[in-house]
Amino acid sequence: MAEAMSREGEKFWGGKMSSYEFTITSTNGNLISHCILNDPPRPLSDWYNDGDHLILWETNNSSVTFNFTGGHLNLSVKP
């Protein structure tokens, strides 16, 4: 399963923080690949309105591409 999520919060010493988290997990829940982008340029994407083209699996299931405004992130299933 491939997932992407955004997080927002407060820094310990004040100010705002944001991050985007990209994860691939196996069917039994084991972590395969993971990446966090801290304080990215905003907005990377409108997760709710941009639809199914945001997370695309390769036809042979070897990697996942996360598409967003201005670029993409490719995570491999193999180490």
Protein backbone atom coordinates (compact mmCIF):
# COMPACT_ATOMS: atom_id res chain seq x y z
CA MET A 1 0.00 0.00 0.00
CA ALA A 2 1.25 3.49 -0.82
CA GLU A 3 0.19 6.50 1.23
CA ALA A 4 0.90 10.23 1.29
CA MET A 5 -0.09 12.61 4.05
CA SER A 6 0.55 16.14 5.20
CA ARG A 7 1.13 17.29 8.78
CA GLU A 8 1.06 20.70 10.39
CA GLY A 9 1.90 21.73 13.92
CA GLU A 10 3.73 24.05 16.26
CA LYS A 11 7.49 24.01 16.86
CA PHE A 12 8.67 23.63 20.47
CA TRP A 13 10.18 27.16 20.55
CA GLY A 14 7.32 28.71 18.59
CA GLY A 15 6.44 29.02 14.95
CA LYS A 16 4.71 26.66 12.60
CA MET A 17 6.02 23.47 11.02
CA SER A 18 4.74 21.36 8.18
CA SER A 19 5.80 18.15 6.48
CA TYR A 20 4.72 15.65 3.88
CA GLU A 21 5.15 11.95 4.55
CA PHE A 22 5.30 9.25 1.86
CA THR A 23 5.11 5.56 2.82
CA ILE A 24 4.99 2.14 1.18
CA THR A 25 3.91 -0.81 3.35
CA SER A 26 3.47 -4.49 2.58
CA THR A 27 0.11 -6.24 2.82
CA ASN A 28 1.05 -7.48 6.31
CA GLY A 29 1.92 -3.93 7.47
CA ASN A 30 5.73 -4.06 7.26
CA LEU A 31 7.41 -0.79 6.29
CA ILE A 32 9.05 -1.04 2.86
CA SER A 33 9.98 2.57 2.09
CA HIS A 34 9.46 5.91 3.80
CA CYS A 35 10.34 9.55 3.13
CA ILE A 36 9.54 12.81 4.97
CA LEU A 37 9.84 16.27 3.40
CA ASN A 38 10.09 18.87 6.18
CA ASP A 39 8.89 22.42 5.56
CA PRO A 40 8.25 21.89 1.83
CA PRO A 41 7.10 24.70 -0.46
CA ARG A 42 3.35 24.83 -0.25
CA PRO A 43 1.09 23.58 -1.55
CA LEU A 44 2.57 20.38 -2.97
CA SER A 45 -0.86 19.11 -3.87
CA ASP A 46 -4.53 19.18 -3.12
CA TRP A 47 -4.79 15.53 -1.99
CA TYR A 48 -8.58 15.54 -1.95
CA ASN A 49 -9.26 17.18 -5.33
CA ASP A 50 -6.36 15.98 -7.52
CA GLY A 51 -7.54 12.38 -7.48
CA ASP A 52 -6.00 9.05 -8.38
CA HIS A 53 -3.10 10.34 -10.51
CA LEU A 54 -1.18 11.46 -7.41
CA ILE A 55 0.03 7.96 -6.46
CA LEU A 56 1.03 5.71 -9.37
CA TRP A 57 2.49 2.21 -9.16
CA GLU A 58 4.88 0.98 -11.86
CA THR A 59 3.30 -1.78 -13.95
CA ASN A 60 5.72 -4.34 -12.46
CA ASN A 61 5.11 -3.03 -8.89
CA SER A 62 8.82 -2.19 -8.45
CA SER A 63 8.24 1.41 -7.35
CA VAL A 64 5.67 4.08 -6.62
CA THR A 65 5.65 7.62 -7.98
CA PHE A 66 4.02 10.37 -5.91
CA ASN A 67 3.13 13.29 -8.22
CA PHE A 68 2.76 16.82 -6.91
CA THR A 69 2.97 20.42 -8.07
CA GLY A 70 6.40 21.10 -9.53
CA GLY A 71 7.81 17.58 -9.33
CA HIS A 72 7.52 14.01 -8.17
CA LEU A 73 9.00 11.53 -5.70
CA ASN A 74 9.79 7.96 -6.67
CA LEU A 75 10.14 5.32 -3.93
CA SER A 76 11.46 1.86 -4.76
CA VAL A 77 9.96 -1.29 -3.32
CA LYS A 78 13.39 -2.99 -3.37
CA PRO A 79 16.11 -1.89 -0.90
